Protein backbone atom coordinates (compact mmCIF):
# COMPACT_ATOMS: atom_id res chain seq x y z
CA MET A 1 -0.12 -0.10 -0.01
CA THR A 2 1.65 3.26 -1.04
CA ILE A 3 1.12 6.45 1.13
CA ASN A 4 -0.58 9.68 -0.66
CA VAL A 5 1.91 12.25 1.09
CA ASP A 6 0.09 14.96 -0.64
CA LYS A 7 -3.27 14.09 0.52
CA ILE A 8 -2.02 13.54 4.18
CA PHE A 9 0.57 16.46 4.61
CA ILE A 10 0.08 18.86 1.67
CA LYS A 11 -3.18 19.38 0.40
CA SER A 12 -5.38 22.43 1.29
CA TRP A 13 -4.71 23.67 5.01
CA ARG A 14 -3.15 20.49 6.19
CA PRO A 15 0.51 21.82 5.89
CA PHE A 16 -0.71 24.39 8.62
CA LEU A 17 -2.55 21.89 11.09
CA TRP A 18 0.65 19.91 10.87
CA ILE A 19 3.13 22.84 11.78
CA ALA A 20 0.73 23.48 14.37
CA PHE A 21 0.68 19.59 15.44
CA VAL A 22 4.73 19.65 15.51
CA GLY A 23 4.99 22.83 17.37
CA ILE A 24 2.77 22.29 20.08
CA LEU A 25 4.03 18.52 20.39
CA LEU A 26 7.53 20.12 20.65
CA TYR A 27 7.05 23.18 23.06
CA SER A 28 4.18 21.32 25.22
CA LYS A 29 6.50 21.01 28.46
CA THR A 30 7.50 24.86 28.20
CA LEU A 31 4.13 25.39 29.50
CA PHE A 32 4.91 24.39 32.78
CA PHE A 33 8.35 26.23 32.92
CA ASP A 34 8.98 28.44 35.83
CA LEU A 35 10.77 32.00 35.66
CA THR A 36 14.21 32.29 34.36
CA PHE A 37 14.89 35.26 36.22
CA LEU A 38 16.10 37.35 33.36
CA ASP A 39 13.76 39.75 32.69
CA ASP A 40 10.49 37.64 32.61
CA ASN A 41 10.41 37.91 36.82
CA VAL A 42 10.36 41.87 36.41
CA TRP A 43 7.78 41.78 33.80
CA ILE A 44 5.73 39.38 35.48
CA GLN A 45 6.32 39.84 39.18
CA ASP A 46 7.79 43.40 39.98
CA TYR A 47 5.35 44.74 37.35
CA GLY A 48 2.34 42.60 37.87
CA TRP A 49 0.33 45.24 39.23
CA TYR A 50 1.18 47.73 36.46
CA LEU A 51 0.05 45.05 33.35
CA LYS A 52 -3.13 44.22 35.15
CA ASN A 53 -4.69 47.53 35.08
CA ALA A 54 -6.34 48.26 31.72
CA GLY A 55 -5.84 51.75 32.12
CA HIS A 56 -2.27 51.45 31.19
CA ILE A 57 -2.95 50.50 27.85
CA LYS A 58 -3.14 53.97 26.25
CA GLU A 59 0.18 54.74 28.35
CA VAL A 60 2.51 52.19 26.61
CA PHE A 61 2.29 53.65 23.47
CA VAL A 62 3.69 57.11 24.94
CA ARG A 63 6.58 55.57 26.84
CA PRO A 64 9.59 53.18 26.84
CA ASP A 65 9.24 49.74 27.41
CA LEU A 66 9.02 48.83 31.49
CA ILE A 67 12.63 46.98 31.42
CA SER A 68 14.93 49.08 29.13
CA LYS A 69 13.77 52.65 29.73
CA VAL A 70 15.08 53.33 26.45
CA PHE A 71 13.55 50.78 23.34
CA TYR A 72 10.01 51.82 21.99
CA ARG A 73 7.96 48.64 21.92
CA PRO A 74 4.34 49.14 23.15
CA MET A 75 3.08 46.02 21.18
CA VAL A 76 5.16 43.88 23.52
CA SER A 77 4.14 45.37 26.49
CA LEU A 78 0.59 45.03 25.36
CA SER A 79 1.06 41.52 24.70
CA PHE A 80 1.95 41.24 28.39
CA ILE A 81 -1.15 42.96 29.48
CA ILE A 82 -3.37 41.08 27.50
CA ASP A 83 -1.88 38.03 29.04
CA ALA A 84 -1.92 39.64 32.73
CA HIS A 85 -5.56 39.89 32.29
CA LEU A 86 -6.40 36.52 30.57
CA TYR A 87 -4.11 34.43 32.74
CA GLY A 88 -3.36 36.52 35.76
CA GLY A 89 -0.41 35.39 37.43
CA SER A 90 -0.20 31.88 35.83
CA LEU A 91 2.79 31.63 34.02
CA ILE A 92 1.07 28.47 31.95
CA GLY A 93 -0.93 31.46 29.92
CA TYR A 94 2.40 33.48 29.39
CA HIS A 95 4.23 30.11 27.83
CA PHE A 96 1.04 29.24 25.74
CA SER A 97 1.25 32.57 24.26
CA ASN A 98 4.75 32.16 23.53
CA VAL A 99 4.33 28.82 21.67
CA LEU A 100 1.22 30.60 19.90
CA PHE A 101 3.39 33.49 18.51
CA HIS A 102 5.94 30.80 17.18
CA LEU A 103 3.44 28.49 15.65
CA ILE A 104 1.88 31.63 13.69
CA GLY A 105 5.34 32.26 12.73
CA ALA A 106 6.15 29.21 11.32
CA MET A 107 2.91 29.30 9.24
CA LEU A 108 3.63 32.73 7.90
CA VAL A 109 7.08 31.01 6.84
CA PHE A 110 5.27 28.26 5.13
CA ALA A 111 3.21 30.73 3.40
CA LEU A 112 5.91 32.84 2.31
CA PHE A 113 8.03 29.97 0.67
CA CYS A 114 4.93 29.10 -1.32
CA ARG A 115 4.61 32.57 -2.11
CA LEU A 116 8.13 32.61 -3.60
CA GLY A 117 7.75 30.15 -5.94
CA TYR A 118 8.65 26.58 -4.28
CA GLU A 119 6.73 23.42 -4.53
CA ARG A 120 4.29 22.93 -1.21
CA ILE A 121 5.84 19.92 -0.17
CA THR A 122 9.53 21.57 0.11
CA SER A 123 7.97 24.79 1.65
CA PHE A 124 6.52 22.80 4.05
CA LEU A 125 9.38 20.66 4.86
CA PHE A 126 11.56 23.50 5.23
CA ALA A 127 9.04 25.68 7.38
CA LEU A 128 8.90 22.45 9.79
CA VAL A 129 12.92 23.08 10.06
CA PHE A 130 12.21 26.75 10.98
CA CYS A 131 9.45 25.63 13.23
CA VAL A 132 11.89 22.99 15.29
CA HIS A 133 14.96 25.04 14.55
CA PRO A 134 16.99 25.02 17.87
CA VAL A 135 18.26 28.30 17.61
CA LEU A 136 14.87 29.63 18.13
CA THR A 137 14.11 27.96 21.18
CA SER A 138 14.73 30.97 23.44
CA ALA A 139 12.21 32.79 21.52
CA VAL A 140 9.65 29.99 23.01
CA ALA A 141 10.79 28.60 26.34
CA TRP A 142 11.82 32.27 27.37
CA ILE A 143 8.99 34.44 27.87
CA PRO A 144 10.33 37.85 27.22
CA GLY A 145 11.93 35.96 23.89
CA ARG A 146 8.76 36.75 22.46
CA THR A 147 9.73 39.79 21.18
CA ASP A 148 10.89 38.62 18.10
CA SER A 149 8.72 35.86 17.32
CA LEU A 150 5.96 38.84 17.47
CA LEU A 151 8.08 40.68 15.31
CA GLY A 152 8.40 37.69 12.73
CA GLY A 153 4.87 37.47 12.40
CA PHE A 154 4.04 40.92 11.84
CA VAL A 155 6.94 41.67 9.17
CA LEU A 156 6.34 38.30 7.55
CA SER A 157 2.36 39.06 7.22
CA SER A 158 3.49 42.67 6.25
CA PHE A 159 5.69 41.20 3.19
CA LEU A 160 2.96 38.89 2.54
CA PHE A 161 0.60 41.80 1.67
CA PHE A 162 3.37 43.79 0.18
CA LEU A 163 3.90 40.67 -2.71
CA GLY A 164 -0.13 40.79 -3.07
CA TYR A 165 0.09 44.38 -3.63
CA LEU A 166 2.62 43.89 -6.26
CA LYS A 167 0.29 41.45 -8.02
CA LYS A 168 -3.20 43.32 -7.70
CA ARG A 169 -3.07 47.35 -6.98
CA ARG A 170 -5.68 46.94 -4.16
CA ALA A 171 -6.22 49.41 -1.60
CA LEU A 172 -7.57 46.67 1.02
CA VAL A 173 -4.03 44.84 0.19
CA LEU A 174 -2.16 48.02 0.48
CA ILE A 175 -4.00 48.91 4.12
CA GLY A 176 -3.07 45.01 5.10
CA HIS A 177 0.62 45.70 4.41
CA LEU A 178 0.79 48.99 5.98
CA PHE A 179 -1.22 47.75 9.16
CA PHE A 180 1.34 45.16 9.58
CA LEU A 181 4.43 47.25 9.18
CA VAL A 182 3.09 49.80 11.89
CA CYS A 183 2.45 46.70 14.38
CA ALA A 184 6.03 45.54 13.61
CA LEU A 185 7.37 48.73 14.32
CA LEU A 186 5.77 49.21 17.62
CA THR A 187 7.35 45.80 18.46
CA LYS A 188 10.82 46.35 17.98
CA GLU A 189 12.73 49.00 15.82
CA THR A 190 14.24 46.40 13.74
CA ALA A 191 11.25 46.48 11.49
CA ILE A 192 12.75 49.64 9.77
CA ILE A 193 14.52 47.13 7.79
CA LEU A 194 11.37 45.85 5.80
CA PRO A 195 10.69 48.66 3.66
CA ILE A 196 14.38 48.55 2.58
CA LEU A 197 13.97 44.83 1.69
CA CYS A 198 10.74 45.60 -0.37
CA VAL A 199 12.40 48.07 -2.46
CA LEU A 200 15.36 45.62 -2.89
CA TYR A 201 12.59 43.00 -3.95
CA PHE A 202 10.94 45.59 -6.08
CA PHE A 203 14.16 46.16 -7.93
CA LEU A 204 15.32 42.61 -8.12
CA PHE A 205 12.12 41.06 -9.88
CA PRO A 206 10.72 43.35 -11.99
CA SER A 207 8.23 40.49 -13.32
CA ASP A 208 6.32 41.07 -10.38
CA LYS A 209 5.60 44.98 -10.63
CA LYS A 210 2.90 46.22 -12.70
CA ASP A 211 3.87 50.01 -13.26
CA LEU A 212 5.78 52.58 -11.16
CA LYS A 213 2.98 54.17 -9.75
CA LYS A 214 2.63 51.25 -6.99
CA GLY A 215 6.14 51.87 -6.14
CA ILE A 216 5.66 55.60 -5.77
CA ALA A 217 2.39 54.75 -3.58
CA LEU A 218 4.40 52.53 -1.67
CA PHE A 219 7.29 54.87 -0.91
CA VAL A 220 4.77 57.87 0.33
CA CYS A 221 2.91 55.34 2.52
CA TRP A 222 6.25 54.04 3.79
CA ILE A 223 7.69 57.46 4.54
CA VAL A 224 4.48 58.90 6.34
CA VAL A 225 4.44 55.38 8.69
CA MET A 226 7.93 56.05 9.64
CA SER A 227 7.66 59.54 10.16
CA VAL A 228 4.92 59.04 12.50
CA TRP A 229 6.57 56.00 14.58
CA GLY A 230 9.85 58.39 14.47
CA TRP A 231 7.79 61.12 16.59
CA GLY A 232 6.31 58.43 18.74
CA LEU A 233 9.91 57.00 19.41
CA ILE A 234 11.03 60.73 20.01
CA ILE A 235 8.34 61.53 22.47
CA SER A 236 8.55 58.33 24.19
CA SER A 237 12.46 57.43 24.71
CA GLU A 238 13.74 58.52 28.01
CA SER A 239 17.06 58.45 27.20
CA LYS A 240 18.94 57.98 23.28
CA ILE A 241 21.87 56.27 22.37
CA PRO A 242 24.69 58.27 20.50
CA PHE A 243 25.05 57.59 17.02
CA LEU A 244 28.93 57.13 17.42
CA ILE A 245 28.34 54.41 20.16
CA MET A 246 25.78 52.50 18.23
CA VAL A 247 28.83 52.47 14.99
CA GLN A 248 31.35 51.54 17.40
CA THR A 249 29.41 48.51 19.05
CA MET A 250 28.51 47.07 15.14
CA VAL A 251 31.95 47.37 14.34
CA LYS A 252 32.89 45.41 17.68
CA ASN A 253 30.29 42.91 17.31
CA ALA A 254 30.61 42.26 13.59
CA PRO A 255 32.19 39.32 14.12
CA SER A 256 29.05 37.42 15.96
CA ILE A 257 27.56 37.48 12.39
CA VAL A 258 29.72 34.78 11.72
CA ASN A 259 28.55 32.66 14.72
CA TYR A 260 25.19 33.38 14.09
CA LEU A 261 25.55 32.19 10.49
CA GLY A 262 26.94 28.77 12.00
CA LYS A 263 24.23 28.34 14.57
CA ALA A 264 21.89 29.01 11.99
CA CYS A 265 23.12 25.67 9.76
CA PHE A 266 24.84 23.52 13.09
CA PRO A 267 22.90 24.60 16.10
CA PHE A 268 24.82 22.33 18.40
CA ARG A 269 26.80 24.42 21.06
CA LEU A 270 23.94 26.97 22.13
CA SER A 271 23.75 29.05 25.23
CA VAL A 272 20.80 30.63 27.09
CA LEU A 273 23.34 33.64 27.71
CA PRO A 274 25.98 33.99 24.78
CA VAL A 275 28.74 36.59 24.88
CA LEU A 276 31.28 37.50 22.31
CA ARG A 277 34.39 36.23 23.98
CA ASP A 278 32.98 32.70 24.54
CA LEU A 279 31.61 32.20 20.73
CA THR A 280 33.14 29.86 18.42
CA PHE A 281 33.22 30.62 14.73
CA ILE A 282 34.34 27.51 12.94
CA GLU A 283 30.82 26.29 12.36
CA GLY A 284 30.37 29.55 10.54
CA PHE A 285 33.12 29.36 8.51
CA ILE A 286 32.19 25.72 7.44
CA THR A 287 28.89 27.13 6.74
CA ILE A 288 30.30 29.83 4.31
CA ILE A 289 32.35 26.94 2.50
CA VAL A 290 29.19 24.75 2.52
CA ILE A 291 26.83 27.50 0.85
CA THR A 292 29.41 28.75 -1.41
CA ILE A 293 29.97 25.07 -3.16
CA GLY A 294 26.40 24.06 -3.26
CA LEU A 295 25.42 27.45 -4.95
CA TYR A 296 28.61 26.67 -7.49
CA PHE A 297 27.27 23.42 -8.42
CA SER A 298 23.46 24.31 -8.44
CA ARG A 299 22.26 24.23 -12.02
CA GLN A 300 19.11 26.20 -11.72
CA ARG A 301 20.03 28.99 -9.05
CA ARG A 302 18.20 32.33 -9.56
CA TRP A 303 20.73 35.04 -8.54
CA PRO A 304 18.07 37.63 -7.54
CA VAL A 305 16.34 35.05 -4.96
CA ILE A 306 19.81 34.30 -3.46
CA THR A 307 20.85 37.88 -3.32
CA PHE A 308 17.44 38.77 -1.84
CA GLY A 309 17.72 35.99 0.81
CA LEU A 310 21.34 36.95 1.73
CA ALA A 311 20.29 40.75 2.14
CA TRP A 312 17.09 39.42 4.26
CA PHE A 313 19.40 37.51 6.87
CA VAL A 314 22.22 40.35 7.12
CA LEU A 315 19.96 43.38 7.30
CA PHE A 316 17.65 41.81 9.79
CA LEU A 317 20.55 40.69 11.74
CA ALA A 318 22.57 44.06 11.66
CA PRO A 319 20.22 45.97 14.32
CA ALA A 320 21.04 43.18 17.08
CA LEU A 321 24.91 44.20 16.76
CA ILE A 322 23.97 47.72 18.17
CA VAL A 323 24.82 48.47 21.67
CA SER A 324 24.36 44.70 22.59
CA PHE A 325 26.79 42.71 24.96
CA LEU A 326 24.43 39.36 24.66
CA LYS A 327 23.92 37.51 21.29
CA HIS A 328 20.77 36.24 22.06
CA GLU A 329 19.97 33.58 19.66
CA TYR A 330 16.31 34.22 19.17
CA ARG A 331 17.44 37.38 17.53
CA LEU A 332 18.12 34.50 14.76
CA TYR A 333 14.06 34.34 14.31
CA LEU A 334 13.83 36.77 10.87
CA PRO A 335 17.12 36.32 9.88
CA LEU A 336 16.84 32.72 9.76
CA VAL A 337 14.00 32.98 6.90
CA GLY A 338 16.51 34.46 4.85
CA PHE A 339 19.05 31.79 5.18
CA LEU A 340 16.20 28.96 4.54
CA VAL A 341 15.59 30.80 1.06
CA ILE A 342 19.46 30.37 0.29
CA LEU A 343 18.93 26.95 1.20
CA LEU A 344 15.47 26.40 -1.11
CA GLU A 345 17.67 27.93 -3.71
CA MET A 346 20.53 25.27 -3.49
CA ALA A 347 17.64 22.56 -3.24
CA ARG A 348 15.77 24.21 -6.21
CA GLY A 349 19.08 23.99 -8.42
CA ARG A 350 19.32 20.27 -7.88
CA GLY A 351 16.40 19.92 -10.61
CA GLY A 352 14.59 16.82 -11.32
CA ASN A 353 13.69 14.45 -8.44
CA LEU A 354 13.80 16.09 -5.10
CA LYS A 355 12.72 12.95 -3.21
CA GLY A 356 16.22 12.44 -1.75
CA LEU A 357 16.34 15.91 -0.60
CA HIS A 358 13.05 15.74 1.10
CA ILE A 359 14.16 12.54 2.88
CA PHE A 360 17.09 14.44 3.95
CA VAL A 361 15.22 17.45 4.95
CA VAL A 362 13.10 15.17 7.11
CA ALA A 363 15.82 13.39 8.89
CA VAL A 364 17.26 17.33 9.72
CA VAL A 365 13.51 18.05 10.85
CA GLY A 366 14.28 14.78 13.49
CA LEU A 367 17.45 15.76 14.51
CA PHE A 368 16.37 19.56 15.29
CA THR A 369 13.54 18.22 17.12
CA VAL A 370 15.63 16.41 19.51
CA LEU A 371 18.18 18.96 20.12
CA THR A 372 15.50 21.60 20.84
CA TRP A 373 13.71 19.30 23.33
CA GLY A 374 17.26 18.99 25.09
CA HIS A 375 18.18 22.35 24.83
CA SER A 376 14.74 23.89 26.33
CA ARG A 377 15.01 22.03 29.44
CA HIS A 378 17.78 24.98 30.22
CA TYR A 379 14.75 27.29 30.56
CA LYS A 380 12.50 25.24 32.81
CA ASP A 381 13.77 27.22 35.88
CA ARG A 382 16.34 29.97 37.27
CA PHE A 383 18.78 27.21 38.34
CA ALA A 384 18.90 25.62 34.94
CA PHE A 385 19.12 28.97 33.10
CA TRP A 386 22.15 30.38 35.05
CA GLU A 387 23.95 27.20 35.35
CA ASN A 388 23.89 26.80 31.91
CA ALA A 389 24.88 30.35 31.19
CA VAL A 390 27.60 29.84 33.65
CA ALA A 391 28.77 26.86 32.07
CA THR A 392 28.41 28.03 28.21
CA SER A 393 29.44 31.68 28.90
CA LYS A 394 32.37 31.29 31.43
CA HIS A 395 33.62 34.89 30.78
CA SER A 396 30.16 36.68 31.41
CA PRO A 397 30.21 38.51 34.94
CA LEU A 398 26.38 38.57 34.18
CA ALA A 399 26.30 34.80 34.25
CA HIS A 400 28.23 34.48 37.65
CA ARG A 401 26.50 37.13 39.55
CA ASN A 402 23.14 35.94 38.87
CA LEU A 403 23.89 32.29 39.48
CA GLY A 404 24.94 34.37 43.09
CA ALA A 405 21.74 35.63 43.32
CA MET A 406 19.62 32.41 42.76
CA TYR A 407 21.82 31.11 45.40
CA GLN A 408 20.89 33.61 47.67
CA LEU A 409 17.35 33.81 46.84
CA GLU A 410 17.42 30.08 47.97
CA GLY A 411 19.07 30.89 51.15
CA LYS A 412 22.34 29.67 50.06
CA ILE A 413 24.75 32.11 51.36
CA ASP A 414 27.99 30.78 51.59
CA LEU A 415 27.53 29.64 47.30
CA ALA A 416 26.19 33.20 47.19
CA LYS A 417 29.12 34.51 48.43
CA GLU A 418 31.50 32.55 46.52
CA ALA A 419 29.57 32.97 43.23
CA TYR A 420 29.93 36.97 43.71
CA GLN A 421 33.79 36.75 43.91
CA LYS A 422 33.83 35.91 40.15
CA PRO A 423 31.99 38.53 38.16
CA LEU A 424 34.01 41.15 40.62
CA SER A 425 37.12 39.57 39.25
CA LEU A 426 35.83 39.53 35.71
CA ASN A 427 34.58 42.91 36.33
CA PRO A 428 35.29 45.07 39.36
CA HIS A 429 32.49 47.52 38.16
CA GLU A 430 29.80 44.77 37.82
CA ALA A 431 26.85 46.21 38.62
CA MET A 432 24.20 44.77 41.08
CA VAL A 433 26.69 42.87 43.13
CA HIS A 434 27.62 45.10 45.73
CA ASN A 435 24.06 45.56 46.21
CA ASN A 436 23.38 41.86 46.67
CA LEU A 437 26.18 41.37 49.18
CA GLY A 438 24.91 44.66 50.97
CA ILE A 439 21.50 42.57 51.29
CA ILE A 440 23.49 39.48 52.58
CA ALA A 441 25.21 41.71 55.39
CA VAL A 442 22.00 43.18 56.59
CA GLY A 443 20.86 39.69 57.08
CA GLU A 444 24.04 38.70 59.12
CA LYS A 445 23.48 41.91 61.15
CA ASP A 446 26.58 43.52 59.79
CA PHE A 447 24.93 47.13 59.30
CA GLN A 448 28.11 48.81 58.63
CA LYS A 449 29.46 46.32 55.78
CA ALA A 450 25.83 46.81 54.33
CA GLU A 451 26.12 50.67 54.50
CA GLU A 452 29.55 50.29 52.12
CA GLU A 453 28.41 47.59 50.08
CA TYR A 454 25.18 49.84 48.87
CA LEU A 455 27.07 52.93 48.67
CA GLU A 456 29.82 51.28 46.72
CA GLU A 457 26.92 49.99 44.35
CA ILE A 458 25.55 53.50 44.07
CA ARG A 459 29.12 55.02 43.39
CA ILE A 460 29.59 52.08 40.73
CA ASN A 461 26.07 52.15 39.35
CA PRO A 462 24.30 55.37 40.55
CA GLU A 463 20.99 54.77 38.38
CA TYR A 464 20.15 51.43 40.17
CA ASP A 465 16.84 52.12 41.97
CA ASN A 466 17.15 48.90 44.04
CA ALA A 467 20.55 50.17 45.56
CA HIS A 468 18.69 53.48 46.84
CA TYR A 469 15.84 51.66 47.95
CA ASN A 470 17.84 49.08 49.89
CA LEU A 471 19.94 51.48 51.52
CA GLY A 472 16.82 53.44 52.80
CA VAL A 473 15.45 50.71 54.20
CA LEU A 474 19.10 49.86 56.19
CA TYR A 475 18.99 53.74 57.34
CA TYR A 476 15.38 53.49 58.47
CA MET A 477 16.28 49.98 60.51
CA GLN A 478 18.93 52.45 62.38
CA GLY A 479 16.41 55.13 63.01
CA LYS A 480 17.86 57.28 60.47
CA TYR A 481 14.57 58.51 59.20
CA HIS A 482 15.43 61.72 57.15
CA GLN A 483 18.36 59.58 55.25
CA ALA A 484 15.76 57.00 54.55
CA GLU A 485 13.41 59.45 53.37
CA ALA A 486 15.78 60.79 50.75
CA MET A 487 17.08 57.38 49.62
CA TRP A 488 13.27 56.61 48.68
CA LYS A 489 12.53 59.54 47.02
CA LYS A 490 15.92 59.44 45.00
CA THR A 491 14.07 55.55 44.32
CA VAL A 492 10.95 57.07 42.89
CA LYS A 493 12.73 59.81 40.98
CA LEU A 494 14.83 57.12 39.40
CA ASN A 495 12.00 54.98 38.78
CA PRO A 496 8.51 56.78 39.10
CA ASN A 497 7.19 53.00 39.14
CA TYR A 498 8.90 51.58 42.20
CA ILE A 499 5.86 50.80 44.15
CA ASP A 500 7.47 49.52 47.52
CA ALA A 501 9.32 52.64 47.60
CA TYR A 502 6.14 54.71 47.24
CA ASN A 503 4.59 52.38 50.23
CA LYS A 504 7.66 53.22 52.40
CA LEU A 505 7.25 56.81 52.06
CA LEU A 506 3.50 56.62 52.83
CA VAL A 507 4.17 54.61 56.27
CA HIS A 508 7.01 56.91 56.96
CA TYR A 509 4.95 59.91 56.99
CA LEU A 510 1.81 58.33 58.92
CA THR A 511 4.45 57.53 61.49
CA GLN A 512 5.92 61.08 61.51
CA LYS A 513 1.84 62.06 61.68
CA ASN A 514 2.13 63.96 58.56
CA PHE A 515 -1.09 62.77 57.21
CA ARG A 516 -1.20 65.58 54.38
CA ARG A 517 2.43 63.98 52.97
CA ALA A 518 1.11 60.30 53.46
CA ASP A 519 -2.06 61.30 51.64
CA GLU A 520 -0.25 62.45 48.58
CA TYR A 521 1.44 58.96 48.21
CA ARG A 522 -1.89 57.27 48.86
CA LYS A 523 -2.90 59.22 45.90
CA ILE A 524 0.32 58.16 43.85
CA LEU A 525 -0.49 54.44 44.45
CA LEU A 526 -3.86 54.53 43.59
CA GLN A 527 -3.37 56.58 40.61
CA LYS A 528 -0.69 54.09 39.67
CA GLY A 529 -3.11 51.15 40.20
CA ALA A 530 -1.55 49.62 43.17
CA SER A 531 -3.49 48.86 46.22
CA VAL A 532 -3.57 50.54 49.73
CA PRO A 533 -4.79 48.65 52.84
CA GLU A 534 -8.61 49.77 53.74
CA ARG A 535 -7.80 50.80 57.30
CA ILE A 536 -5.34 53.06 55.63
CA GLU A 537 -7.38 54.43 53.37
CA ARG A 538 -10.07 55.16 55.53
CA PHE A 539 -7.50 56.97 58.15
CA LEU A 540 -6.16 59.32 55.76
CA MET A 541 -9.08 60.53 54.14
CA LYS A 542 -10.69 61.56 57.35
CA ASN A 543 -7.51 62.97 58.79
CA ALA A 544 -5.65 64.54 55.85
CA ALA A 545 -7.82 67.54 55.68
CA ASN A 546 -7.74 68.19 59.07
CA HIS A 547 -3.69 68.17 59.67
CA GLU A 548 -0.89 70.22 58.18
CA GLY A 549 2.30 68.62 56.99
């Protein structure tokens, strides 16, 4: 009995269903993963109160994201707000959203490959490679990794509408392209690359364009969209990155492109926290040789498509080189599509019977599935994450520092102290280490040592809100109330959403019987969506009007 592959896998909507099935099967265990304590704890725990307030939906469009205070990514913040309302504090819901975003991305990759003229079976198999590729594990298993899967979904949707507009000049198709372009720009600034690639495609494939009017209409629309987005970026950002710094870091990080290329083809030595000093480049050089040889012997290769695929890979990867000391693998989410296009051209160049190629790709899908299943376990909890970070990035002060923080959270103080020595030996100015040592000193009742550590942290890292807050707590414990008050005011100046500092100030003024000032902080807390104990609310509402500050 022969198996009808087309009927089972390829016909109609079946490829989309199979992609969903494989992706869910592969990533089902991530639904039960805990926090890694790399940004996800800040989003979900520290800012859970913020996300649960629907009134902040408008605010995310006029301010930078909560983590960096630099990047303008309201769609990412909006996704977390939606999750907070749908799932509350349940991590399963956040992980489910990540899996869903990735499945949509893989389906759009299949649609793109078909639209570029590849056979459905070949497009399906290469979309499966994308779906199970180990290098994208962090985009699914690590909750903040959704930034690039969201970006990928919007960019791919916009580009598909762009291709549709080139075929048929319809207003609704153009609106679809622009809508998803706007969503992509509001997700991550990398989306500014898409119009450049659209222009490149427009000129590389003249058979797809009907007339010059389409190009002019698109260009005008892009100018308008980018101008509005740029205005939003300017008014929302709290700090700017100097252009010279961006250029310098791009040059410094340029070698990592070879490593990214190697991981796209040979994803065997992956890390949850890659840093340039610990990267290897042999896989990248081997990949370059393999691709060069493969294209040389391809008989039906299309150089415009190869050029476009290479441009897609390099240009979407380039923004990851700007002011970034971490080489997160999820940043390959969009570039990987361009890399696969190049491989598809190599496959197309074989001509004739592609059965052997399809069997090989199926084997790759199986291998990548096993690798991804194994690599995903490094995201299951904070210890698995940071132990892998230390093992794979030995020269990362951040990895050693945060492993120490995990020991500290577990009450393993001796192990924490030992772990904190490594980041200081790698970088004497490593942020947050002295703050954490100060917390340990407070627990050991060595208040003088704690103050020294907090002050050293503030000297090294003057913008670190937690150090000011913790020093305020220490002063308050010692009866130095005015000094504590000053530290907490500095904390909320650095971070206007630091709820614990507002609470401390409220209690401080209550204790000082300064009811008017206490009531001011009560109102601030309520305005920010935080809760105030009912007894305190009643007391202040009754007394604030009758007492002078």
